[in-house]
Amino acid sequence: MKIFLKKYWPLIFFVLVVLYSFGNLFFKSREESVISYNFVISKINVSPTKSLILYKNENEVDIWNYDIRENEGVEAGDSIAKKKCAKYLYVYKKDKHTNKYKLFLKVEPTGIFPCEWFCN
């Protein structure tokens, strides 16, 4: 047994890391699929990978399955909405003339697990 572990420990370690990563991704995807969002963005930071980090009232909102990039035109004051078990996340911009929000961007999920797996 010791010889087996000594010889294959890198493979065992790699398999455990991959299993942990997929498990974490699965549970985060499930958690986000059953949550709804409806808030106005109060602040935006740009990550080193050019993804947007959104804030609601100075609290960072962790949007795990959706990637909004810097070049997509999303700004503070825009509204984010996603219904529970919905596939898409919507970004709305406020019309300056009517003072109402209008659909600006429809964001598709980037995760590998479809939301249909978690919502029935």
PDB file of N, CA and C in Angstrom:
ATOM      1  N   MET A   1       0.828  -1.196   0.000  1.00  0.00           N
ATOM      2  CA  MET A   1       0.000   0.000   0.000  1.00  0.00           C
ATOM      3  C   MET A   1       0.872   1.259   0.000  1.00  0.00           C
ATOM      4  N   LYS A   2       1.938   1.263   0.792  1.00  0.00           N
ATOM      5  CA  LYS A   2       2.812   2.429   0.841  1.00  0.00           C
ATOM      6  C   LYS A   2       3.477   2.688  -0.503  1.00  0.00           C
ATOM      7  N   ILE A   3       3.849   1.615  -1.189  1.00  0.00           N
ATOM      8  CA  ILE A   3       4.489   1.761  -2.499  1.00  0.00           C
ATOM      9  C   ILE A   3       3.487   2.358  -3.490  1.00  0.00           C
ATOM     10  N   PHE A   4       2.240   1.885  -3.426  1.00  0.00           N
ATOM     11  CA  PHE A   4       1.186   2.405  -4.306  1.00  0.00           C
ATOM     12  C   PHE A   4       0.980   3.903  -4.066  1.00  0.00           C
ATOM     13  N   LEU A   5       0.851   4.310  -2.802  1.00  0.00           N
ATOM     14  CA  LEU A   5       0.641   5.726  -2.469  1.00  0.00           C
ATOM     15  C   LEU A   5       1.845   6.566  -2.856  1.00  0.00           C
ATOM     16  N   LYS A   6       3.022   6.041  -2.615  1.00  0.00           N
ATOM     17  CA  LYS A   6       4.244   6.778  -2.933  1.00  0.00           C
ATOM     18  C   LYS A   6       4.375   6.977  -4.447  1.00  0.00           C
ATOM     19  N   LYS A   7       3.999   5.964  -5.196  1.00  0.00           N
ATOM     20  CA  LYS A   7       4.149   6.010  -6.650  1.00  0.00           C
ATOM     21  C   LYS A   7       3.075   6.887  -7.308  1.00  0.00           C
ATOM     22  N   TYR A   8       1.847   6.830  -6.782  1.00  0.00           N
ATOM     23  CA  TYR A   8       0.725   7.502  -7.450  1.00  0.00           C
ATOM     24  C   TYR A   8       0.201   8.728  -6.715  1.00  0.00           C
ATOM     25  N   TRP A   9       0.930   9.263  -5.746  1.00  0.00           N
ATOM     26  CA  TRP A   9       0.415  10.396  -4.990  1.00  0.00           C
ATOM     27  C   TRP A   9       0.136  11.620  -5.861  1.00  0.00           C
ATOM     28  N   PRO A  10       0.939  11.922  -6.899  1.00  0.00           N
ATOM     29  CA  PRO A  10       0.580  13.085  -7.729  1.00  0.00           C
ATOM     30  C   PRO A  10      -0.755  12.882  -8.455  1.00  0.00           C
ATOM     31  N   LEU A  11      -0.992  11.673  -8.939  1.00  0.00           N
ATOM     32  CA  LEU A  11      -2.252  11.380  -9.622  1.00  0.00           C
ATOM     33  C   LEU A  11      -3.428  11.467  -8.649  1.00  0.00           C
ATOM     34  N   ILE A  12      -3.272  10.913  -7.468  1.00  0.00           N
ATOM     35  CA  ILE A  12      -4.325  10.954  -6.446  1.00  0.00           C
ATOM     36  C   ILE A  12      -4.618  12.401  -6.059  1.00  0.00           C
ATOM     37  N   PHE A  13      -3.568  13.195  -5.868  1.00  0.00           N
ATOM     38  CA  PHE A  13      -3.734  14.606  -5.526  1.00  0.00           C
ATOM     39  C   PHE A  13      -4.482  15.347  -6.635  1.00  0.00           C
ATOM     40  N   PHE A  14      -4.103  15.115  -7.891  1.00  0.00           N
ATOM     41  CA  PHE A  14      -4.747  15.757  -9.031  1.00  0.00           C
ATOM     42  C   PHE A  14      -6.230  15.394  -9.098  1.00  0.00           C
ATOM     43  N   VAL A  15      -6.546  14.127  -8.931  1.00  0.00           N
ATOM     44  CA  VAL A  15      -7.947  13.674  -8.968  1.00  0.00           C
ATOM     45  C   VAL A  15      -8.755  14.328  -7.848  1.00  0.00           C
ATOM     46  N   LEU A  16      -8.184  14.421  -6.661  1.00  0.00           N
ATOM     47  CA  LEU A  16      -8.884  15.051  -5.543  1.00  0.00           C
ATOM     48  C   LEU A  16      -9.136  16.541  -5.803  1.00  0.00           C
ATOM     49  N   VAL A  17      -8.167  17.220  -6.376  1.00  0.00           N
ATOM     50  CA  VAL A  17      -8.334  18.643  -6.698  1.00  0.00           C
ATOM     51  C   VAL A  17      -9.436  18.820  -7.744  1.00  0.00           C
ATOM     52  N   VAL A  18      -9.446  17.985  -8.768  1.00  0.00           N
ATOM     53  CA  VAL A  18     -10.473  18.071  -9.811  1.00  0.00           C
ATOM     54  C   VAL A  18     -11.857  17.779  -9.223  1.00  0.00           C
ATOM     55  N   LEU A  19     -11.968  16.755  -8.401  1.00  0.00           N
ATOM     56  CA  LEU A  19     -13.249  16.433  -7.770  1.00  0.00           C
ATOM     57  C   LEU A  19     -13.737  17.572  -6.880  1.00  0.00           C
ATOM     58  N   TYR A  20     -12.844  18.162  -6.111  1.00  0.00           N
ATOM     59  CA  TYR A  20     -13.211  19.297  -5.262  1.00  0.00           C
ATOM     60  C   TYR A  20     -13.690  20.471  -6.124  1.00  0.00           C
ATOM     61  N   SER A  21     -12.976  20.750  -7.221  1.00  0.00           N
ATOM     62  CA  SER A  21     -13.338  21.873  -8.090  1.00  0.00           C
ATOM     63  C   SER A  21     -14.723  21.681  -8.698  1.00  0.00           C
ATOM     64  N   PHE A  22     -15.003  20.486  -9.221  1.00  0.00           N
ATOM     65  CA  PHE A  22     -16.319  20.223  -9.798  1.00  0.00           C
ATOM     66  C   PHE A  22     -17.411  20.250  -8.739  1.00  0.00           C
ATOM     67  N   GLY A  23     -17.121  19.714  -7.566  1.00  0.00           N
ATOM     68  CA  GLY A  23     -18.105  19.751  -6.478  1.00  0.00           C
ATOM     69  C   GLY A  23     -18.426  21.171  -6.068  1.00  0.00           C
ATOM     70  N   ASN A  24     -17.403  22.004  -5.921  1.00  0.00           N
ATOM     71  CA  ASN A  24     -17.607  23.401  -5.559  1.00  0.00           C
ATOM     72  C   ASN A  24     -18.398  24.128  -6.637  1.00  0.00           C
ATOM     73  N   LEU A  25     -18.053  23.902  -7.892  1.00  0.00           N
ATOM     74  CA  LEU A  25     -18.761  24.522  -9.009  1.00  0.00           C
ATOM     75  C   LEU A  25     -20.221  24.093  -9.032  1.00  0.00           C
ATOM     76  N   PHE A  26     -20.476  22.819  -8.782  1.00  0.00           N
ATOM     77  CA  PHE A  26     -21.841  22.303  -8.776  1.00  0.00           C
ATOM     78  C   PHE A  26     -22.671  22.980  -7.686  1.00  0.00           C
ATOM     79  N   PHE A  27     -22.150  23.062  -6.469  1.00  0.00           N
ATOM     80  CA  PHE A  27     -22.905  23.644  -5.365  1.00  0.00           C
ATOM     81  C   PHE A  27     -23.090  25.153  -5.530  1.00  0.00           C
ATOM     82  N   LYS A  28     -22.083  25.848  -6.039  1.00  0.00           N
ATOM     83  CA  LYS A  28     -22.233  27.287  -6.302  1.00  0.00           C
ATOM     84  C   LYS A  28     -23.266  27.533  -7.404  1.00  0.00           C
ATOM     85  N   SER A  29     -23.263  26.692  -8.433  1.00  0.00           N
ATOM     86  CA  SER A  29     -24.238  26.824  -9.515  1.00  0.00           C
ATOM     87  C   SER A  29     -25.651  26.581  -9.000  1.00  0.00           C
ATOM     88  N   ARG A  30     -25.812  25.577  -8.177  1.00  0.00           N
ATOM     89  CA  ARG A  30     -27.127  25.275  -7.600  1.00  0.00           C
ATOM     90  C   ARG A  30     -27.605  26.430  -6.732  1.00  0.00           C
ATOM     91  N   GLU A  31     -26.711  26.946  -5.918  1.00  0.00           N
ATOM     92  CA  GLU A  31     -27.058  28.059  -5.020  1.00  0.00           C
ATOM     93  C   GLU A  31     -27.516  29.280  -5.811  1.00  0.00           C
ATOM     94  N   GLU A  32     -26.802  29.590  -6.889  1.00  0.00           N
ATOM     95  CA  GLU A  32     -27.157  30.775  -7.655  1.00  0.00           C
ATOM     96  C   GLU A  32     -28.398  30.562  -8.508  1.00  0.00           C
ATOM     97  N   SER A  33     -28.666  29.344  -8.932  1.00  0.00           N
ATOM     98  CA  SER A  33     -29.842  29.083  -9.755  1.00  0.00           C
ATOM     99  C   SER A  33     -31.140  29.366  -9.005  1.00  0.00           C
ATOM    100  N   VAL A  34     -31.157  29.119  -7.731  1.00  0.00           N
ATOM    101  CA  VAL A  34     -32.396  29.272  -6.959  1.00  0.00           C
ATOM    102  C   VAL A  34     -32.501  30.633  -6.260  1.00  0.00           C
ATOM    103  N   ILE A  35     -31.588  31.535  -6.547  1.00  0.00           N
ATOM    104  CA  ILE A  35     -31.636  32.868  -5.951  1.00  0.00           C
ATOM    105  C   ILE A  35     -32.135  33.860  -6.996  1.00  0.00           C
ATOM    106  N   SER A  36     -32.741  34.940  -6.526  1.00  0.00           N
ATOM    107  CA  SER A  36     -33.155  35.992  -7.445  1.00  0.00           C
ATOM    108  C   SER A  36     -32.369  37.270  -7.127  1.00  0.00           C
ATOM    109  N   TYR A  37     -32.200  38.092  -8.143  1.00  0.00           N
ATOM    110  CA  TYR A  37     -31.514  39.371  -7.991  1.00  0.00           C
ATOM    111  C   TYR A  37     -32.451  40.474  -8.450  1.00  0.00           C
ATOM    112  N   ASN A  38     -32.433  41.576  -7.750  1.00  0.00           N
ATOM    113  CA  ASN A  38     -33.167  42.765  -8.161  1.00  0.00           C
ATOM    114  C   ASN A  38     -32.587  43.940  -7.376  1.00  0.00           C
ATOM    115  N   PHE A  39     -31.606  44.609  -7.955  1.00  0.00           N
ATOM    116  CA  PHE A  39     -30.956  45.704  -7.259  1.00  0.00           C
ATOM    117  C   PHE A  39     -30.355  46.693  -8.257  1.00  0.00           C
ATOM    118  N   VAL A  40     -30.091  47.880  -7.758  1.00  0.00           N
ATOM    119  CA  VAL A  40     -29.416  48.911  -8.536  1.00  0.00           C
ATOM    120  C   VAL A  40     -27.945  48.882  -8.148  1.00  0.00           C
ATOM    121  N   ILE A  41     -27.093  48.885  -9.148  1.00  0.00           N
ATOM    122  CA  ILE A  41     -25.650  48.837  -8.916  1.00  0.00           C
ATOM    123  C   ILE A  41     -25.203  50.161  -8.302  1.00  0.00           C
ATOM    124  N   SER A  42     -24.576  50.090  -7.131  1.00  0.00           N
ATOM    125  CA  SER A  42     -24.112  51.312  -6.471  1.00  0.00           C
ATOM    126  C   SER A  42     -22.647  51.619  -6.789  1.00  0.00           C
ATOM    127  N   LYS A  43     -21.895  50.578  -7.121  1.00  0.00           N
ATOM    128  CA  LYS A  43     -20.462  50.756  -7.371  1.00  0.00           C
ATOM    129  C   LYS A  43     -19.985  49.589  -8.235  1.00  0.00           C
ATOM    130  N   ILE A  44     -18.967  49.847  -9.043  1.00  0.00           N
ATOM    131  CA  ILE A  44     -18.387  48.804  -9.894  1.00  0.00           C
ATOM    132  C   ILE A  44     -16.872  48.872  -9.799  1.00  0.00           C
ATOM    133  N   ASN A  45     -16.258  47.721  -9.626  1.00  0.00           N
ATOM    134  CA  ASN A  45     -14.799  47.583  -9.745  1.00  0.00           C
ATOM    135  C   ASN A  45     -14.519  46.654 -10.908  1.00  0.00           C
ATOM    136  N   VAL A  46     -13.372  46.823 -11.517  1.00  0.00           N
ATOM    137  CA  VAL A  46     -12.961  45.962 -12.631  1.00  0.00           C
ATOM    138  C   VAL A  46     -11.858  45.045 -12.130  1.00  0.00           C
ATOM    139  N   SER A  47     -12.048  43.742 -12.336  1.00  0.00           N
ATOM    140  CA  SER A  47     -11.046  42.765 -11.906  1.00  0.00           C
ATOM    141  C   SER A  47      -9.875  42.763 -12.890  1.00  0.00           C
ATOM    142  N   PRO A  48      -8.767  42.133 -12.537  1.00  0.00           N
ATOM    143  CA  PRO A  48      -7.636  42.042 -13.471  1.00  0.00           C
ATOM    144  C   PRO A  48      -7.979  41.337 -14.784  1.00  0.00           C
ATOM    145  N   THR A  49      -9.026  40.500 -14.768  1.00  0.00           N
ATOM    146  CA  THR A  49      -9.437  39.811 -15.997  1.00  0.00           C
ATOM    147  C   THR A  49     -10.490  40.592 -16.776  1.00  0.00           C
ATOM    148  N   LYS A  50     -10.745  41.841 -16.375  1.00  0.00           N
ATOM    149  CA  LYS A  50     -11.699  42.747 -17.024  1.00  0.00           C
ATOM    150  C   LYS A  50     -13.160  42.375 -16.781  1.00  0.00           C
ATOM    151  N   SER A  51     -13.431  41.522 -15.806  1.00  0.00           N
ATOM    152  CA  SER A  51     -14.803  41.239 -15.387  1.00  0.00           C
ATOM    153  C   SER A  51     -15.226  42.308 -14.386  1.00  0.00           C
ATOM    154  N   LEU A  52     -16.526  42.585 -14.339  1.00  0.00           N
ATOM    155  CA  LEU A  52     -17.019  43.586 -13.411  1.00  0.00           C
ATOM    156  C   LEU A  52     -17.357  42.957 -12.066  1.00  0.00           C
ATOM    157  N   ILE A  53     -16.987  43.642 -11.009  1.00  0.00           N
ATOM    158  CA  ILE A  53     -17.358  43.263  -9.647  1.00  0.00           C
ATOM    159  C   ILE A  53     -18.421  44.275  -9.232  1.00  0.00           C
ATOM    160  N   LEU A  54     -19.637  43.796  -9.018  1.00  0.00           N
ATOM    161  CA  LEU A  54     -20.774  44.670  -8.753  1.00  0.00           C
ATOM    162  C   LEU A  54     -21.028  44.817  -7.260  1.00  0.00           C
ATOM    163  N   TYR A  55     -21.522  45.994  -6.881  1.00  0.00           N
ATOM    164  CA  TYR A  55     -21.820  46.278  -5.487  1.00  0.00           C
ATOM    165  C   TYR A  55     -23.256  46.770  -5.351  1.00  0.00           C
ATOM    166  N   LYS A  56     -23.885  46.321  -4.296  1.00  0.00           N
ATOM    167  CA  LYS A  56     -25.219  46.785  -3.921  1.00  0.00           C
ATOM    168  C   LYS A  56     -25.080  47.397  -2.534  1.00  0.00           C
ATOM    169  N   ASN A  57     -25.230  48.710  -2.436  1.00  0.00           N
ATOM    170  CA  ASN A  57     -25.096  49.415  -1.156  1.00  0.00           C
ATOM    171  C   ASN A  57     -23.772  49.091  -0.466  1.00  0.00           C
ATOM    172  N   GLU A  58     -22.688  49.203  -1.184  1.00  0.00           N
ATOM    173  CA  GLU A  58     -21.329  48.965  -0.668  1.00  0.00           C
ATOM    174  C   GLU A  58     -21.031  47.497  -0.334  1.00  0.00           C
ATOM    175  N   ASN A  59     -21.962  46.583  -0.599  1.00  0.00           N
ATOM    176  CA  ASN A  59     -21.732  45.148  -0.385  1.00  0.00           C
ATOM    177  C   ASN A  59     -21.507  44.476  -1.736  1.00  0.00           C
ATOM    178  N   GLU A  60     -20.417  43.738  -1.848  1.00  0.00           N
ATOM    179  CA  GLU A  60     -20.119  43.041  -3.100  1.00  0.00           C
ATOM    180  C   GLU A  60     -21.156  41.946  -3.339  1.00  0.00           C
ATOM    181  N   VAL A  61     -21.656  41.886  -4.570  1.00  0.00           N
ATOM    182  CA  VAL A  61     -22.617  40.867  -4.960  1.00  0.00           C
ATOM    183  C   VAL A  61     -21.866  39.800  -5.751  1.00  0.00           C
ATOM    184  N   ASP A  62     -21.875  38.590  -5.241  1.00  0.00           N
ATOM    185  CA  ASP A  62     -21.150  37.488  -5.872  1.00  0.00           C
ATOM    186  C   ASP A  62     -22.045  36.826  -6.909  1.00  0.00           C
ATOM    187  N   ILE A  63     -21.843  37.199  -8.168  1.00  0.00           N
ATOM    188  CA  ILE A  63     -22.604  36.600  -9.264  1.00  0.00           C
ATOM    189  C   ILE A  63     -21.700  35.558  -9.899  1.00  0.00           C
ATOM    190  N   TRP A  64     -21.895  34.330  -9.508  1.00  0.00           N
ATOM    191  CA  TRP A  64     -20.987  33.235  -9.819  1.00  0.00           C
ATOM    192  C   TRP A  64     -21.069  32.777 -11.276  1.00  0.00           C
ATOM    193  N   ASN A  65     -22.264  32.601 -11.802  1.00  0.00           N
ATOM    194  CA  ASN A  65     -22.451  32.004 -13.129  1.00  0.00           C
ATOM    195  C   ASN A  65     -22.556  32.999 -14.275  1.00  0.00           C
ATOM    196  N   TYR A  66     -22.438  34.275 -13.986  1.00  0.00           N
ATOM    197  CA  TYR A  66     -22.615  35.280 -15.027  1.00  0.00           C
ATOM    198  C   TYR A  66     -21.376  36.161 -15.079  1.00  0.00           C
ATOM    199  N   ASP A  67     -20.916  36.430 -16.289  1.00  0.00           N
ATOM    200  CA  ASP A  67     -19.709  37.227 -16.475  1.00  0.00           C
ATOM    201  C   ASP A  67     -20.063  38.474 -17.266  1.00  0.00           C
ATOM    202  N   ILE A  68     -19.989  39.620 -16.609  1.00  0.00           N
ATOM    203  CA  ILE A  68     -20.219  40.896 -17.271  1.00  0.00           C
ATOM    204  C   ILE A  68     -18.851  41.556 -17.413  1.00  0.00           C
ATOM    205  N   ARG A  69     -18.508  41.903 -18.634  1.00  0.00           N
ATOM    206  CA  ARG A  69     -17.171  42.421 -18.931  1.00  0.00           C
ATOM    207  C   ARG A  69     -17.159  43.948 -18.945  1.00  0.00           C
ATOM    208  N   GLU A  70     -15.977  44.486 -18.825  1.00  0.00           N
ATOM    209  CA  GLU A  70     -15.774  45.929 -18.763  1.00  0.00           C
ATOM    210  C   GLU A  70     -16.288  46.641 -20.018  1.00  0.00           C
ATOM    211  N   ASN A  71     -16.146  46.017 -21.176  1.00  0.00           N
ATOM    212  CA  ASN A  71     -16.492  46.669 -22.442  1.00  0.00           C
ATOM    213  C   ASN A  71     -17.979  46.563 -22.804  1.00  0.00           C
ATOM    214  N   GLU A  72     -18.815  46.064 -21.897  1.00  0.00           N
ATOM    215  CA  GLU A  72     -20.232  45.893 -22.217  1.00  0.00           C
ATOM    216  C   GLU A  72     -21.088  47.104 -21.853  1.00  0.00           C
ATOM    217  N   GLY A  73     -20.506  48.113 -21.260  1.00  0.00           N
ATOM    218  CA  GLY A  73     -21.218  49.359 -21.022  1.00  0.00           C
ATOM    219  C   GLY A  73     -22.065  49.409 -19.761  1.00  0.00           C
ATOM    220  N   VAL A  74     -21.890  48.479 -18.849  1.00  0.00           N
ATOM    221  CA  VAL A  74     -22.644  48.481 -17.595  1.00  0.00           C
ATOM    222  C   VAL A  74     -22.012  49.499 -16.651  1.00  0.00           C
ATOM    223  N   GLU A  75     -22.859  50.309 -16.011  1.00  0.00           N
ATOM    224  CA  GLU A  75     -22.368  51.387 -15.149  1.00  0.00           C
ATOM    225  C   GLU A  75     -23.115  51.385 -13.818  1.00  0.00           C
ATOM    226  N   ALA A  76     -22.555  52.110 -12.851  1.00  0.00           N
ATOM    227  CA  ALA A  76     -23.251  52.320 -11.587  1.00  0.00           C
ATOM    228  C   ALA A  76     -24.551  53.056 -11.894  1.00  0.00           C
ATOM    229  N   GLY A  77     -25.632  52.655 -11.226  1.00  0.00           N
ATOM    230  CA  GLY A  77     -26.956  53.220 -11.490  1.00  0.00           C
ATOM    231  C   GLY A  77     -27.807  52.325 -12.357  1.00  0.00           C
ATOM    232  N   ASP A  78     -27.180  51.354 -13.047  1.00  0.00           N
ATOM    233  CA  ASP A  78     -27.946  50.375 -13.817  1.00  0.00           C
ATOM    234  C   ASP A  78     -28.584  49.379 -12.860  1.00  0.00           C
ATOM    235  N   SER A  79     -29.590  48.706 -13.325  1.00  0.00           N
ATOM    236  CA  SER A  79     -30.310  47.743 -12.499  1.00  0.00           C
ATOM    237  C   SER A  79     -30.028  46.321 -12.975  1.00  0.00           C
ATOM    238  N   ILE A  80     -29.883  45.406 -12.021  1.00  0.00           N
ATOM    239  CA  ILE A  80     -29.661  43.988 -12.311  1.00  0.00           C
ATOM    240  C   ILE A  80     -30.910  43.221 -11.862  1.00  0.00           C
ATOM    241  N   ALA A  81     -31.366  42.299 -12.695  1.00  0.00           N
ATOM    242  CA  ALA A  81     -32.533  41.503 -12.327  1.00  0.00           C
ATOM    243  C   ALA A  81     -32.382  40.074 -12.837  1.00  0.00           C
ATOM    244  N   LYS A  82     -32.759  39.126 -11.990  1.00  0.00           N
ATOM    245  CA  LYS A  82     -32.833  37.715 -12.359  1.00  0.00           C
ATOM    246  C   LYS A  82     -33.864  37.076 -11.447  1.00  0.00           C
ATOM    247  N   LYS A  83     -34.832  36.416 -12.065  1.00  0.00           N
ATOM    248  CA  LYS A  83     -35.834  35.717 -11.269  1.00  0.00           C
ATOM    249  C   LYS A  83     -35.281  34.381 -10.799  1.00  0.00           C
ATOM    250  N   LYS A  84     -35.878  33.858  -9.746  1.00  0.00           N
ATOM    251  CA  LYS A  84     -35.485  32.549  -9.230  1.00  0.00           C
ATOM    252  C   LYS A  84     -35.655  31.513 -10.341  1.00  0.00           C
ATOM    253  N   CYS A  85     -34.635  30.691 -10.520  1.00  0.00           N
ATOM    254  CA  CYS A  85     -34.607  29.614 -11.518  1.00  0.00           C
ATOM    255  C   CYS A  85     -34.619  30.100 -12.964  1.00  0.00           C
ATOM    256  N   ALA A  86     -34.379  31.377 -13.196  1.00  0.00           N
ATOM    257  CA  ALA A  86     -34.307  31.903 -14.558  1.00  0.00           C
ATOM    258  C   ALA A  86     -32.915  31.655 -15.126  1.00  0.00           C
ATOM    259  N   LYS A  87     -32.869  31.466 -16.423  1.00  0.00           N
ATOM    260  CA  LYS A  87     -31.590  31.195 -17.073  1.00  0.00           C
ATOM    261  C   LYS A  87     -30.764  32.476 -17.244  1.00  0.00           C
ATOM    262  N   TYR A  88     -31.412  33.571 -17.598  1.00  0.00           N
ATOM    263  CA  TYR A  88     -30.695  34.792 -17.952  1.00  0.00           C
ATOM    264  C   TYR A  88     -30.713  35.821 -16.823  1.00  0.00           C
ATOM    265  N   LEU A  89     -29.679  36.633 -16.801  1.00  0.00           N
ATOM    266  CA  LEU A  89     -29.580  37.785 -15.913  1.00  0.00           C
ATOM    267  C   LEU A  89     -29.748  39.008 -16.815  1.00  0.00           C
ATOM    268  N   TYR A  90     -30.554  39.964 -16.383  1.00  0.00           N
ATOM    269  CA  TYR A  90     -30.849  41.134 -17.206  1.00  0.00           C
ATOM    270  C   TYR A  90     -30.265  42.391 -16.573  1.00  0.00           C
ATOM    271  N   VAL A  91     -29.740  43.249 -17.446  1.00  0.00           N
ATOM    272  CA  VAL A  91     -29.226  44.548 -17.020  1.00  0.00           C
ATOM    273  C   VAL A  91     -30.118  45.603 -17.668  1.00  0.00           C
ATOM    274  N   TYR A  92     -30.606  46.524 -16.837  1.00  0.00           N
ATOM    275  CA  TYR A  92     -31.475  47.602 -17.304  1.00  0.00           C
ATOM    276  C   TYR A  92     -30.789  48.940 -17.081  1.00  0.00           C
ATOM    277  N   LYS A  93     -30.956  49.845 -18.058  1.00  0.00           N
ATOM    278  CA  LYS A  93     -30.445  51.213 -17.934  1.00  0.00           C
ATOM    279  C   LYS A  93     -31.633  52.153 -17.774  1.00  0.00           C
ATOM    280  N   LYS A  94     -31.421  53.195 -16.985  1.00  0.00           N
ATOM    281  CA  LYS A  94     -32.476  54.174 -16.747  1.00  0.00           C
ATOM    282  C   LYS A  94     -32.533  55.159 -17.912  1.00  0.00           C
ATOM    283  N   ASP A  95     -33.723  55.297 -18.478  1.00  0.00           N
ATOM    284  CA  ASP A  95     -33.950  56.260 -19.547  1.00  0.00           C
ATOM    285  C   ASP A  95     -34.031  57.652 -18.919  1.00  0.00           C
ATOM    286  N   LYS A  96     -33.216  58.569 -19.396  1.00  0.00           N
ATOM    287  CA  LYS A  96     -33.150  59.908 -18.808  1.00  0.00           C
ATOM    288  C   LYS A  96     -34.426  60.726 -19.053  1.00  0.00           C
ATOM    289  N   HIS A  97     -35.147  60.397 -20.121  1.00  0.00           N
ATOM    290  CA  HIS A  97     -36.351  61.165 -20.448  1.00  0.00           C
ATOM    291  C   HIS A  97     -37.578  60.668 -19.677  1.00  0.00           C
ATOM    292  N   THR A  98     -37.747  59.355 -19.598  1.00  0.00           N
ATOM    293  CA  THR A  98     -38.937  58.805 -18.938  1.00  0.00           C
ATOM    294  C   THR A  98     -38.679  58.402 -17.499  1.00  0.00           C
ATOM    295  N   ASN A  99     -37.413  58.357 -17.108  1.00  0.00           N
ATOM    296  CA  ASN A  99     -37.009  57.950 -15.754  1.00  0.00           C
ATOM    297  C   ASN A  99     -37.400  56.502 -15.439  1.00  0.00           C
ATOM    298  N   LYS A 100     -37.566  55.682 -16.487  1.00  0.00           N
ATOM    299  CA  LYS A 100     -37.877  54.259 -16.319  1.00  0.00           C
ATOM    300  C   LYS A 100     -36.707  53.432 -16.839  1.00  0.00           C
ATOM    301  N   TYR A 101     -36.600  52.232 -16.297  1.00  0.00           N
ATOM    302  CA  TYR A 101     -35.532  51.337 -16.724  1.00  0.00           C
ATOM    303  C   TYR A 101     -35.936  50.580 -17.983  1.00  0.00           C
ATOM    304  N   LYS A 102     -35.000  50.478 -18.924  1.00  0.00           N
ATOM    305  CA  LYS A 102     -35.220  49.739 -20.168  1.00  0.00           C
ATOM    306  C   LYS A 102     -34.131  48.683 -20.299  1.00  0.00           C
ATOM    307  N   LEU A 103     -34.508  47.543 -20.885  1.00  0.00           N
ATOM    308  CA  LEU A 103     -33.566  46.437 -21.055  1.00  0.00           C
ATOM    309  C   LEU A 103     -32.359  46.880 -21.874  1.00  0.00           C
ATOM    310  N   PHE A 104     -31.193  46.615 -21.323  1.00  0.00           N
ATOM    311  CA  PHE A 104     -29.944  46.993 -21.980  1.00  0.00           C
ATOM    312  C   PHE A 104     -29.128  45.776 -22.393  1.00  0.00           C
ATOM    313  N   LEU A 105     -29.100  44.743 -21.532  1.00  0.00           N
ATOM    314  CA  LEU A 105     -28.220  43.601 -21.768  1.00  0.00           C
ATOM    315  C   LEU A 105     -28.837  42.330 -21.191  1.00  0.00           C
ATOM    316  N   LYS A 106     -28.771  41.271 -21.944  1.00  0.00           N
ATOM    317  CA  LYS A 106     -29.216  39.949 -21.503  1.00  0.00           C
ATOM    318  C   LYS A 106     -27.970  39.080 -21.396  1.00  0.00           C
ATOM    319  N   VAL A 107     -27.653  38.634 -20.173  1.00  0.00           N
ATOM    320  CA  VAL A 107     -26.405  37.912 -19.929  1.00  0.00           C
ATOM    321  C   VAL A 107     -26.689  36.424 -19.777  1.00  0.00           C
ATOM    322  N   GLU A 108     -26.002  35.620 -20.573  1.00  0.00           N
ATOM    323  CA  GLU A 108     -26.151  34.173 -20.488  1.00  0.00           C
ATOM    324  C   GLU A 108     -25.247  33.615 -19.397  1.00  0.00           C
ATOM    325  N   PRO A 109     -25.655  32.509 -18.789  1.00  0.00           N
ATOM    326  CA  PRO A 109     -24.803  31.904 -17.763  1.00  0.00           C
ATOM    327  C   PRO A 109     -23.538  31.321 -18.383  1.00  0.00           C
ATOM    328  N   THR A 110     -22.457  31.354 -17.606  1.00  0.00           N
ATOM    329  CA  THR A 110     -21.184  30.829 -18.087  1.00  0.00           C
ATOM    330  C   THR A 110     -20.821  29.501 -17.440  1.00  0.00           C
ATOM    331  N   GLY A 111     -21.639  29.032 -16.518  1.00  0.00           N
ATOM    332  CA  GLY A 111     -21.354  27.781 -15.816  1.00  0.00           C
ATOM    333  C   GLY A 111     -21.564  26.565 -16.696  1.00  0.00           C
ATOM    334  N   ILE A 112     -21.047  25.425 -16.256  1.00  0.00           N
ATOM    335  CA  ILE A 112     -21.180  24.199 -17.034  1.00  0.00           C
ATOM    336  C   ILE A 112     -22.416  23.390 -16.647  1.00  0.00           C
ATOM    337  N   PHE A 113     -23.048  23.747 -15.527  1.00  0.00           N
ATOM    338  CA  PHE A 113     -24.245  23.032 -15.093  1.00  0.00           C
ATOM    339  C   PHE A 113     -25.476  23.872 -15.421  1.00  0.00           C
ATOM    340  N   PRO A 114     -26.396  23.362 -16.246  1.00  0.00           N
ATOM    341  CA  PRO A 114     -27.585  24.145 -16.598  1.00  0.00           C
ATOM    342  C   PRO A 114     -28.508  24.342 -15.400  1.00  0.00           C
ATOM    343  N   CYS A 115     -29.163  25.500 -15.356  1.00  0.00           N
ATOM    344  CA  CYS A 115     -30.043  25.803 -14.234  1.00  0.00           C
ATOM    345  C   CYS A 115     -31.244  24.858 -14.182  1.00  0.00           C
ATOM    346  N   GLU A 116     -31.580  24.236 -15.288  1.00  0.00           N
ATOM    347  CA  GLU A 116     -32.702  23.291 -15.322  1.00  0.00           C
ATOM    348  C   GLU A 116     -32.437  22.083 -14.397  1.00  0.00           C
ATOM    349  N   TRP A 117     -31.196  21.798 -14.119  1.00  0.00           N
ATOM    350  CA  TRP A 117     -30.865  20.689 -13.239  1.00  0.00           C
ATOM    351  C   TRP A 117     -31.314  20.957 -11.795  1.00  0.00           C
ATOM    352  N   PHE A 118     -31.402  22.232 -11.445  1.00  0.00           N
ATOM    353  CA  PHE A 118     -31.650  22.593 -10.047  1.00  0.00           C
ATOM    354  C   PHE A 118     -33.073  23.096  -9.799  1.00  0.00           C
ATOM    355  N   CYS A 119     -33.806  23.407 -10.843  1.00  0.00           N
ATOM    356  CA  CYS A 119     -35.141  23.975 -10.686  1.00  0.00           C
ATOM    357  C   CYS A 119     -36.163  23.132 -11.445  1.00  0.00           C
ATOM    358  N   ASN A 120     -37.139  22.688 -10.737  1.00  0.00           N
ATOM    359  CA  ASN A 120     -38.236  21.929 -11.376  1.00  0.00           C
ATOM    360  C   ASN A 120     -39.556  22.408 -10.876  1.00  0.00           C
TER     361      ASN A 120
END
